[in-house]
Structure formats: C-alpha cells, structure tokens
Amino acid sequence: MFGEIPQYAAPESGKPISTRMQKYQSAFASTSGATLTLKSRSSRLRRREFEYAIPTLDAEELISLRRSYIVEKIRHIVPYGNLNWEIDVFSGENQGLVVAEVELPDEDHEIALPPWVGPEVTGQDRYYNGTLAQHPYRSWLHHDAAVAAE
C-alpha cells in the first residue's frame, strides 16, 4: 500500500508515451522514494510500462517543471480473487474521482469483478493521468453541469 502519491503526468495529446513522476511513503515501513514511469499506448487493454527508481530530489525537481496540474491521489492495493486491484482515490483538482485498475497476466485472462467495481473505463482517455493533469475531473463537473443546463 502506498501513501499519498503526487504525480507529474506530461504526455502530449496523441503521443505514444506518457511520463509519470511519483514520490511515495510506505504505509507499512519508514521507507520513501520516487519513481519515474514511462507508459506506452500499444493496445486498448495492454500498455507497456517501464518504471525506474530515482532520487527523491530529482523527482521533486522534475515535478516542479510541470506545465499542468499535479495529479494527486492515494493508491490502495486491494487483493480480490487471485489479483491485486489498485484503487486510486484522487484529491486536489480531481477530488471525487475514484478509479480501480487491475494488472492482468495477459489480455485474455478472465477475472471475477469485485462487487464494488463501477463502469468500465479502460481505453477512455479522460481517465489517464496525463489527461487528468490537463483537464481535471473538476472541469468535467462544470462542463457536464453546463451541458445539462442547456
């Protein structure tokens, strides 16, 4: 389980790679650190992901270079069946958004969905960290309210 994870997500629209910086504090031990994650957009369900430990000071400097909001969230690891689900509870500009994600061994792996899982959002760009950094969930609420009022 991780503590609060501020992230810098800076993909450009239509680009094949997204970048994420995260600092973490372990909830179970007195460890902390930072990682750099690169993700591809290879298929609807599967993305290649590369993650590297980096010095915390480097992460803080890179986060300070951002051009958009920081995506803030608390990640919870929840075992269900034989898989671990990552439950991201967002804060800041994305307050109110909760996303559940599971890493599958392969695209054809069958899973039993937990009863607390909501609608499927896989492949919907608006839920990617890069999009949330540029168009936060809070802006969806204002946009959706304006559309409903028309």
N, C-alpha and C. Protein backbone atom coordinates (compact mmCIF):
# COMPACT_ATOMS: atom_id res chain seq x y z
N MET A 1 0.85 -1.17 0.00
CA MET A 1 0.00 0.00 0.00
C MET A 1 0.90 1.23 0.00
N PHE A 2 0.52 2.22 -0.74
CA PHE A 2 1.26 3.46 -0.80
C PHE A 2 0.50 4.53 -0.03
N GLY A 3 1.22 5.54 0.38
CA GLY A 3 0.60 6.72 0.94
C GLY A 3 0.23 7.66 -0.19
N GLU A 4 0.17 8.95 0.11
CA GLU A 4 -0.19 9.93 -0.91
C GLU A 4 0.86 9.94 -2.01
N ILE A 5 0.41 9.98 -3.26
CA ILE A 5 1.31 9.91 -4.40
C ILE A 5 1.10 11.13 -5.29
N PRO A 6 1.85 12.23 -5.09
CA PRO A 6 1.72 13.31 -6.07
C PRO A 6 2.40 12.87 -7.36
N GLN A 7 1.78 13.15 -8.50
CA GLN A 7 2.33 12.70 -9.76
C GLN A 7 2.42 13.84 -10.75
N TYR A 8 3.43 13.75 -11.59
CA TYR A 8 3.57 14.67 -12.71
C TYR A 8 3.34 13.83 -13.96
N ALA A 9 2.29 14.11 -14.67
CA ALA A 9 1.99 13.38 -15.89
C ALA A 9 2.01 14.37 -17.03
N ALA A 10 2.86 14.14 -18.01
CA ALA A 10 3.03 15.15 -19.06
C ALA A 10 3.00 14.60 -20.48
N PRO A 11 2.08 13.73 -20.80
CA PRO A 11 2.01 13.32 -22.19
C PRO A 11 1.35 14.40 -23.03
N GLU A 12 1.69 14.44 -24.30
CA GLU A 12 1.02 15.36 -25.20
C GLU A 12 -0.06 14.58 -25.94
N SER A 13 -1.13 15.23 -26.26
CA SER A 13 -2.24 14.57 -26.93
C SER A 13 -1.75 13.85 -28.19
N GLY A 14 -2.11 12.59 -28.29
CA GLY A 14 -1.75 11.81 -29.47
C GLY A 14 -0.36 11.21 -29.44
N LYS A 15 0.43 11.47 -28.41
CA LYS A 15 1.78 10.93 -28.33
C LYS A 15 1.74 9.50 -27.80
N PRO A 16 2.69 8.65 -28.20
CA PRO A 16 2.64 7.25 -27.81
C PRO A 16 3.20 6.95 -26.42
N ILE A 17 3.82 7.91 -25.75
CA ILE A 17 4.43 7.66 -24.45
C ILE A 17 3.92 8.67 -23.43
N SER A 18 3.59 8.20 -22.23
CA SER A 18 3.28 9.12 -21.14
C SER A 18 4.34 8.95 -20.07
N THR A 19 4.56 10.01 -19.32
CA THR A 19 5.59 10.03 -18.29
C THR A 19 4.95 10.35 -16.96
N ARG A 20 5.38 9.65 -15.92
CA ARG A 20 4.83 9.90 -14.59
C ARG A 20 5.97 9.93 -13.59
N MET A 21 5.93 10.92 -12.72
CA MET A 21 6.84 11.01 -11.58
C MET A 21 6.02 10.76 -10.35
N GLN A 22 6.51 9.97 -9.44
CA GLN A 22 5.78 9.83 -8.19
C GLN A 22 6.73 9.71 -7.03
N LYS A 23 6.33 10.35 -5.95
CA LYS A 23 7.02 10.19 -4.68
C LYS A 23 6.10 9.35 -3.82
N TYR A 24 6.68 8.50 -2.99
CA TYR A 24 5.83 7.67 -2.15
C TYR A 24 6.39 7.55 -0.75
N GLN A 25 5.49 7.25 0.14
CA GLN A 25 5.83 6.96 1.54
C GLN A 25 5.12 5.66 1.86
N SER A 26 5.87 4.65 2.25
CA SER A 26 5.27 3.36 2.56
C SER A 26 4.40 3.48 3.79
N ALA A 27 3.23 2.86 3.74
CA ALA A 27 2.33 2.87 4.88
C ALA A 27 2.76 1.86 5.94
N PHE A 28 3.62 0.90 5.57
CA PHE A 28 3.99 -0.17 6.48
C PHE A 28 5.41 -0.06 7.02
N ALA A 29 6.23 0.74 6.39
CA ALA A 29 7.62 0.86 6.83
C ALA A 29 8.05 2.32 6.72
N SER A 30 9.16 2.62 7.31
CA SER A 30 9.63 4.01 7.26
C SER A 30 10.49 4.23 6.02
N THR A 31 9.99 3.80 4.86
CA THR A 31 10.71 3.99 3.61
C THR A 31 9.97 5.00 2.74
N SER A 32 10.74 5.69 1.95
CA SER A 32 10.16 6.60 0.97
C SER A 32 11.08 6.60 -0.23
N GLY A 33 10.62 7.15 -1.31
CA GLY A 33 11.43 7.20 -2.51
C GLY A 33 10.66 7.85 -3.63
N ALA A 34 11.14 7.63 -4.85
CA ALA A 34 10.49 8.20 -6.02
C ALA A 34 10.72 7.28 -7.20
N THR A 35 9.79 7.31 -8.14
CA THR A 35 9.94 6.52 -9.35
C THR A 35 9.59 7.36 -10.57
N LEU A 36 10.20 7.00 -11.68
CA LEU A 36 9.89 7.55 -12.99
C LEU A 36 9.25 6.40 -13.76
N THR A 37 8.06 6.63 -14.30
CA THR A 37 7.35 5.60 -15.04
C THR A 37 7.08 6.10 -16.45
N LEU A 38 7.37 5.26 -17.43
CA LEU A 38 7.06 5.53 -18.83
C LEU A 38 6.05 4.49 -19.28
N LYS A 39 4.96 4.94 -19.91
CA LYS A 39 3.93 4.02 -20.38
C LYS A 39 3.66 4.25 -21.85
N SER A 40 3.46 3.16 -22.58
CA SER A 40 3.11 3.26 -24.00
C SER A 40 1.61 3.12 -24.16
N ARG A 41 1.15 3.41 -25.35
CA ARG A 41 -0.26 3.18 -25.70
C ARG A 41 -0.27 2.17 -26.84
N SER A 42 -0.04 0.91 -26.50
CA SER A 42 0.12 -0.09 -27.55
C SER A 42 -1.19 -0.73 -27.99
N SER A 43 -2.10 -0.99 -27.09
CA SER A 43 -3.39 -1.57 -27.47
C SER A 43 -4.44 -1.10 -26.48
N ARG A 44 -5.67 -1.45 -26.74
CA ARG A 44 -6.78 -1.00 -25.89
C ARG A 44 -6.61 -1.46 -24.45
N LEU A 45 -6.20 -2.71 -24.26
CA LEU A 45 -6.12 -3.26 -22.91
C LEU A 45 -4.70 -3.30 -22.35
N ARG A 46 -3.71 -3.31 -23.20
CA ARG A 46 -2.35 -3.54 -22.72
C ARG A 46 -1.45 -2.37 -23.05
N ARG A 47 -0.70 -1.96 -22.06
CA ARG A 47 0.27 -0.88 -22.25
C ARG A 47 1.61 -1.36 -21.71
N ARG A 48 2.66 -1.09 -22.41
CA ARG A 48 3.99 -1.41 -21.90
C ARG A 48 4.34 -0.36 -20.87
N GLU A 49 4.96 -0.79 -19.79
CA GLU A 49 5.28 0.11 -18.70
C GLU A 49 6.70 -0.16 -18.22
N PHE A 50 7.45 0.92 -18.05
CA PHE A 50 8.82 0.85 -17.56
C PHE A 50 8.92 1.76 -16.34
N GLU A 51 9.41 1.23 -15.24
CA GLU A 51 9.46 2.00 -14.00
C GLU A 51 10.87 1.94 -13.43
N TYR A 52 11.38 3.11 -13.02
CA TYR A 52 12.74 3.22 -12.52
C TYR A 52 12.76 4.02 -11.22
N ALA A 53 13.50 3.52 -10.26
CA ALA A 53 13.70 4.28 -9.02
C ALA A 53 14.65 5.43 -9.33
N ILE A 54 14.31 6.62 -8.80
CA ILE A 54 15.18 7.79 -8.97
C ILE A 54 15.28 8.49 -7.62
N PRO A 55 16.33 9.31 -7.45
CA PRO A 55 16.43 10.06 -6.20
C PRO A 55 15.23 11.00 -6.01
N THR A 56 14.77 11.11 -4.77
CA THR A 56 13.61 11.94 -4.45
C THR A 56 13.84 13.39 -4.87
N LEU A 57 15.04 13.91 -4.66
CA LEU A 57 15.32 15.30 -5.06
C LEU A 57 15.17 15.49 -6.57
N ASP A 58 15.57 14.48 -7.36
CA ASP A 58 15.40 14.56 -8.81
C ASP A 58 13.91 14.60 -9.16
N ALA A 59 13.11 13.76 -8.47
CA ALA A 59 11.66 13.74 -8.73
C ALA A 59 11.05 15.10 -8.40
N GLU A 60 11.45 15.68 -7.27
CA GLU A 60 10.90 16.99 -6.89
C GLU A 60 11.25 18.05 -7.92
N GLU A 61 12.48 18.01 -8.43
CA GLU A 61 12.87 18.99 -9.44
C GLU A 61 12.08 18.80 -10.73
N LEU A 62 11.92 17.54 -11.15
CA LEU A 62 11.15 17.27 -12.37
C LEU A 62 9.68 17.66 -12.19
N ILE A 63 9.12 17.39 -11.02
CA ILE A 63 7.72 17.77 -10.76
C ILE A 63 7.57 19.29 -10.85
N SER A 64 8.58 20.03 -10.40
CA SER A 64 8.49 21.50 -10.44
C SER A 64 8.48 22.04 -11.88
N LEU A 65 8.89 21.24 -12.85
CA LEU A 65 8.92 21.67 -14.25
C LEU A 65 7.59 21.47 -14.98
N ARG A 66 6.59 20.97 -14.28
CA ARG A 66 5.32 20.63 -14.92
C ARG A 66 4.68 21.85 -15.58
N ARG A 67 3.86 21.56 -16.57
CA ARG A 67 3.11 22.61 -17.26
C ARG A 67 1.62 22.50 -16.99
N SER A 68 1.23 21.56 -16.19
CA SER A 68 -0.19 21.35 -15.90
C SER A 68 -0.34 21.03 -14.42
N TYR A 69 -1.55 20.69 -14.02
CA TYR A 69 -1.80 20.33 -12.63
C TYR A 69 -1.01 19.10 -12.24
N ILE A 70 -0.74 18.97 -10.95
CA ILE A 70 -0.21 17.72 -10.43
C ILE A 70 -1.42 16.83 -10.16
N VAL A 71 -1.34 15.60 -10.57
CA VAL A 71 -2.39 14.63 -10.28
C VAL A 71 -2.07 14.04 -8.91
N GLU A 72 -2.93 14.34 -7.94
CA GLU A 72 -2.73 13.87 -6.57
C GLU A 72 -3.70 12.75 -6.28
N LYS A 73 -3.18 11.68 -5.68
CA LYS A 73 -4.06 10.58 -5.35
C LYS A 73 -3.43 9.73 -4.26
N ILE A 74 -4.28 8.98 -3.61
CA ILE A 74 -3.81 7.97 -2.67
C ILE A 74 -4.15 6.63 -3.30
N ARG A 75 -3.13 5.78 -3.42
CA ARG A 75 -3.32 4.47 -4.03
C ARG A 75 -3.44 3.41 -2.95
N HIS A 76 -4.46 2.59 -3.08
CA HIS A 76 -4.68 1.47 -2.16
C HIS A 76 -4.56 0.17 -2.97
N ILE A 77 -3.83 -0.79 -2.46
CA ILE A 77 -3.74 -2.11 -3.08
C ILE A 77 -4.74 -3.01 -2.37
N VAL A 78 -5.69 -3.56 -3.12
CA VAL A 78 -6.76 -4.37 -2.54
C VAL A 78 -6.76 -5.74 -3.22
N PRO A 79 -6.41 -6.80 -2.49
CA PRO A 79 -6.49 -8.14 -3.08
C PRO A 79 -7.94 -8.56 -3.28
N TYR A 80 -8.23 -9.15 -4.44
CA TYR A 80 -9.56 -9.71 -4.70
C TYR A 80 -9.36 -10.88 -5.65
N GLY A 81 -9.88 -12.04 -5.28
CA GLY A 81 -9.61 -13.24 -6.06
C GLY A 81 -8.12 -13.52 -6.01
N ASN A 82 -7.54 -13.78 -7.16
CA ASN A 82 -6.10 -14.03 -7.20
C ASN A 82 -5.32 -12.83 -7.78
N LEU A 83 -5.95 -11.66 -7.77
CA LEU A 83 -5.32 -10.45 -8.33
C LEU A 83 -5.29 -9.33 -7.31
N ASN A 84 -4.39 -8.39 -7.50
CA ASN A 84 -4.35 -7.18 -6.68
C ASN A 84 -4.91 -6.02 -7.49
N TRP A 85 -5.91 -5.36 -6.94
CA TRP A 85 -6.51 -4.18 -7.56
C TRP A 85 -5.85 -2.94 -7.00
N GLU A 86 -5.60 -1.95 -7.86
CA GLU A 86 -5.08 -0.65 -7.44
C GLU A 86 -6.26 0.32 -7.45
N ILE A 87 -6.58 0.82 -6.28
CA ILE A 87 -7.70 1.76 -6.15
C ILE A 87 -7.10 3.14 -5.92
N ASP A 88 -7.30 4.04 -6.87
CA ASP A 88 -6.78 5.40 -6.78
C ASP A 88 -7.90 6.34 -6.36
N VAL A 89 -7.71 6.98 -5.22
CA VAL A 89 -8.64 7.97 -4.70
C VAL A 89 -7.99 9.34 -4.91
N PHE A 90 -8.55 10.10 -5.83
CA PHE A 90 -7.95 11.36 -6.25
C PHE A 90 -8.33 12.51 -5.32
N SER A 91 -7.45 13.51 -5.27
CA SER A 91 -7.70 14.72 -4.49
C SER A 91 -7.31 15.92 -5.34
N GLY A 92 -7.26 17.09 -4.74
CA GLY A 92 -6.91 18.30 -5.48
C GLY A 92 -7.93 18.60 -6.57
N GLU A 93 -7.48 18.90 -7.76
CA GLU A 93 -8.36 19.23 -8.88
C GLU A 93 -9.19 18.04 -9.36
N ASN A 94 -8.83 16.83 -8.92
CA ASN A 94 -9.56 15.63 -9.32
C ASN A 94 -10.35 15.03 -8.16
N GLN A 95 -10.60 15.85 -7.12
CA GLN A 95 -11.36 15.42 -5.94
C GLN A 95 -12.68 14.78 -6.36
N GLY A 96 -13.00 13.63 -5.78
CA GLY A 96 -14.25 12.95 -6.06
C GLY A 96 -14.12 11.80 -7.04
N LEU A 97 -13.01 11.73 -7.76
CA LEU A 97 -12.81 10.65 -8.72
C LEU A 97 -12.11 9.48 -8.03
N VAL A 98 -12.64 8.29 -8.23
CA VAL A 98 -12.04 7.05 -7.72
C VAL A 98 -11.97 6.08 -8.89
N VAL A 99 -10.80 5.52 -9.14
CA VAL A 99 -10.60 4.60 -10.25
C VAL A 99 -9.97 3.31 -9.74
N ALA A 100 -10.52 2.18 -10.17
CA ALA A 100 -9.98 0.86 -9.83
C ALA A 100 -9.32 0.28 -11.08
N GLU A 101 -8.14 -0.28 -10.90
CA GLU A 101 -7.39 -0.84 -12.02
C GLU A 101 -6.78 -2.16 -11.57
N VAL A 102 -6.69 -3.09 -12.50
CA VAL A 102 -6.06 -4.38 -12.18
C VAL A 102 -5.08 -4.72 -13.29
N GLU A 103 -3.93 -5.23 -12.92
CA GLU A 103 -2.92 -5.69 -13.87
C GLU A 103 -3.19 -7.16 -14.14
N LEU A 104 -3.47 -7.50 -15.39
CA LEU A 104 -3.76 -8.88 -15.76
C LEU A 104 -2.50 -9.55 -16.30
N PRO A 105 -2.36 -10.86 -16.09
CA PRO A 105 -1.20 -11.57 -16.64
C PRO A 105 -1.18 -11.54 -18.17
N ASP A 106 -2.36 -11.52 -18.81
CA ASP A 106 -2.46 -11.38 -20.26
C ASP A 106 -3.85 -10.84 -20.60
N GLU A 107 -4.02 -10.37 -21.83
CA GLU A 107 -5.27 -9.72 -22.23
C GLU A 107 -6.47 -10.66 -22.20
N ASP A 108 -6.26 -11.96 -22.30
CA ASP A 108 -7.36 -12.92 -22.32
C ASP A 108 -7.68 -13.49 -20.94
N HIS A 109 -6.99 -13.01 -19.93
CA HIS A 109 -7.20 -13.52 -18.57
C HIS A 109 -8.61 -13.19 -18.10
N GLU A 110 -9.34 -14.20 -17.65
CA GLU A 110 -10.70 -13.98 -17.16
C GLU A 110 -10.64 -13.59 -15.69
N ILE A 111 -11.47 -12.62 -15.32
CA ILE A 111 -11.48 -12.17 -13.93
C ILE A 111 -12.91 -12.10 -13.41
N ALA A 112 -13.00 -12.28 -12.12
CA ALA A 112 -14.27 -12.05 -11.43
C ALA A 112 -14.21 -10.63 -10.90
N LEU A 113 -15.17 -9.80 -11.30
CA LEU A 113 -15.17 -8.41 -10.87
C LEU A 113 -15.67 -8.30 -9.43
N PRO A 114 -14.98 -7.50 -8.63
CA PRO A 114 -15.47 -7.26 -7.27
C PRO A 114 -16.82 -6.53 -7.33
N PRO A 115 -17.65 -6.69 -6.32
CA PRO A 115 -18.97 -6.03 -6.33
C PRO A 115 -18.88 -4.51 -6.25
N TRP A 116 -17.74 -3.96 -5.83
CA TRP A 116 -17.59 -2.52 -5.69
C TRP A 116 -17.07 -1.84 -6.96
N VAL A 117 -16.84 -2.59 -8.03
CA VAL A 117 -16.33 -2.00 -9.28
C VAL A 117 -17.48 -1.34 -10.03
N GLY A 118 -17.21 -0.15 -10.55
CA GLY A 118 -18.21 0.60 -11.32
C GLY A 118 -18.08 0.32 -12.80
N PRO A 119 -18.52 1.25 -13.64
CA PRO A 119 -18.50 1.08 -15.10
C PRO A 119 -17.07 0.94 -15.63
N GLU A 120 -16.93 0.22 -16.72
CA GLU A 120 -15.64 0.02 -17.39
C GLU A 120 -15.19 1.32 -18.05
N VAL A 121 -13.94 1.74 -17.78
CA VAL A 121 -13.41 2.97 -18.39
C VAL A 121 -12.11 2.71 -19.14
N THR A 122 -11.72 1.45 -19.28
CA THR A 122 -10.49 1.12 -20.00
C THR A 122 -10.52 1.74 -21.39
N GLY A 123 -9.44 2.39 -21.75
CA GLY A 123 -9.31 2.98 -23.07
C GLY A 123 -9.93 4.36 -23.21
N GLN A 124 -10.59 4.86 -22.16
CA GLN A 124 -11.16 6.21 -22.22
C GLN A 124 -10.10 7.21 -21.76
N ASP A 125 -9.62 7.99 -22.69
CA ASP A 125 -8.50 8.90 -22.43
C ASP A 125 -8.72 9.83 -21.26
N ARG A 126 -9.95 10.23 -21.00
CA ARG A 126 -10.19 11.22 -19.94
C ARG A 126 -9.76 10.71 -18.57
N TYR A 127 -9.60 9.39 -18.41
CA TYR A 127 -9.20 8.83 -17.12
C TYR A 127 -7.70 8.63 -16.97
N TYR A 128 -6.94 8.87 -18.03
CA TYR A 128 -5.48 8.74 -17.95
C TYR A 128 -4.91 9.91 -17.15
N ASN A 129 -3.85 9.66 -16.39
CA ASN A 129 -3.25 10.71 -15.57
C ASN A 129 -2.86 11.93 -16.41
N GLY A 130 -2.35 11.69 -17.60
CA GLY A 130 -1.94 12.81 -18.46
C GLY A 130 -3.10 13.71 -18.80
N THR A 131 -4.25 13.13 -19.09
CA THR A 131 -5.43 13.92 -19.39
C THR A 131 -5.96 14.60 -18.13
N LEU A 132 -5.94 13.86 -17.01
CA LEU A 132 -6.40 14.46 -15.74
C LEU A 132 -5.53 15.64 -15.33
N ALA A 133 -4.26 15.62 -15.69
CA ALA A 133 -3.37 16.74 -15.38
C ALA A 133 -3.74 17.98 -16.19
N GLN A 134 -4.21 17.79 -17.42
CA GLN A 134 -4.55 18.91 -18.28
C GLN A 134 -6.02 19.29 -18.23
N HIS A 135 -6.89 18.31 -18.00
CA HIS A 135 -8.34 18.52 -17.93
C HIS A 135 -8.86 17.77 -16.71
N PRO A 136 -8.69 18.37 -15.53
CA PRO A 136 -9.04 17.66 -14.30
C PRO A 136 -10.53 17.34 -14.19
N TYR A 137 -10.81 16.36 -13.37
CA TYR A 137 -12.17 15.89 -13.11
C TYR A 137 -13.09 17.05 -12.72
N ARG A 138 -12.59 17.98 -11.96
CA ARG A 138 -13.40 19.14 -11.54
C ARG A 138 -13.94 19.89 -12.77
N SER A 139 -13.16 19.98 -13.83
CA SER A 139 -13.62 20.67 -15.04
C SER A 139 -14.71 19.86 -15.76
N TRP A 140 -14.69 18.54 -15.62
CA TRP A 140 -15.76 17.73 -16.21
C TRP A 140 -17.07 18.07 -15.55
N LEU A 141 -17.03 18.22 -14.23
CA LEU A 141 -18.25 18.50 -13.48
C LEU A 141 -18.88 19.81 -13.94
N HIS A 142 -18.03 20.85 -14.13
CA HIS A 142 -18.54 22.15 -14.60
C HIS A 142 -19.08 22.03 -16.02
N HIS A 143 -18.36 21.30 -16.87
CA HIS A 143 -18.79 21.12 -18.25
C HIS A 143 -20.09 20.34 -18.32
N ASP A 144 -20.17 19.23 -17.58
CA ASP A 144 -21.37 18.40 -17.60
C ASP A 144 -22.58 19.15 -17.04
N ALA A 145 -22.36 19.99 -16.02
CA ALA A 145 -23.46 20.79 -15.45
C ALA A 145 -23.94 21.82 -16.46
N ALA A 146 -23.02 22.44 -17.20
CA ALA A 146 -23.39 23.44 -18.20
C ALA A 146 -24.16 22.79 -19.35
N VAL A 147 -23.75 21.60 -19.76
CA VAL A 147 -24.45 20.88 -20.83
C VAL A 147 -25.85 20.50 -20.37
N ALA A 148 -25.97 20.04 -19.12
CA ALA A 148 -27.29 19.65 -18.59
C ALA A 148 -28.23 20.84 -18.48
N ALA A 149 -27.67 22.04 -18.25
CA ALA A 149 -28.49 23.24 -18.09
C ALA A 149 -29.03 23.76 -19.44
N GLU A 150 -28.38 23.35 -20.53
CA GLU A 150 -28.80 23.85 -21.86
C GLU A 150 -30.12 23.28 -22.32
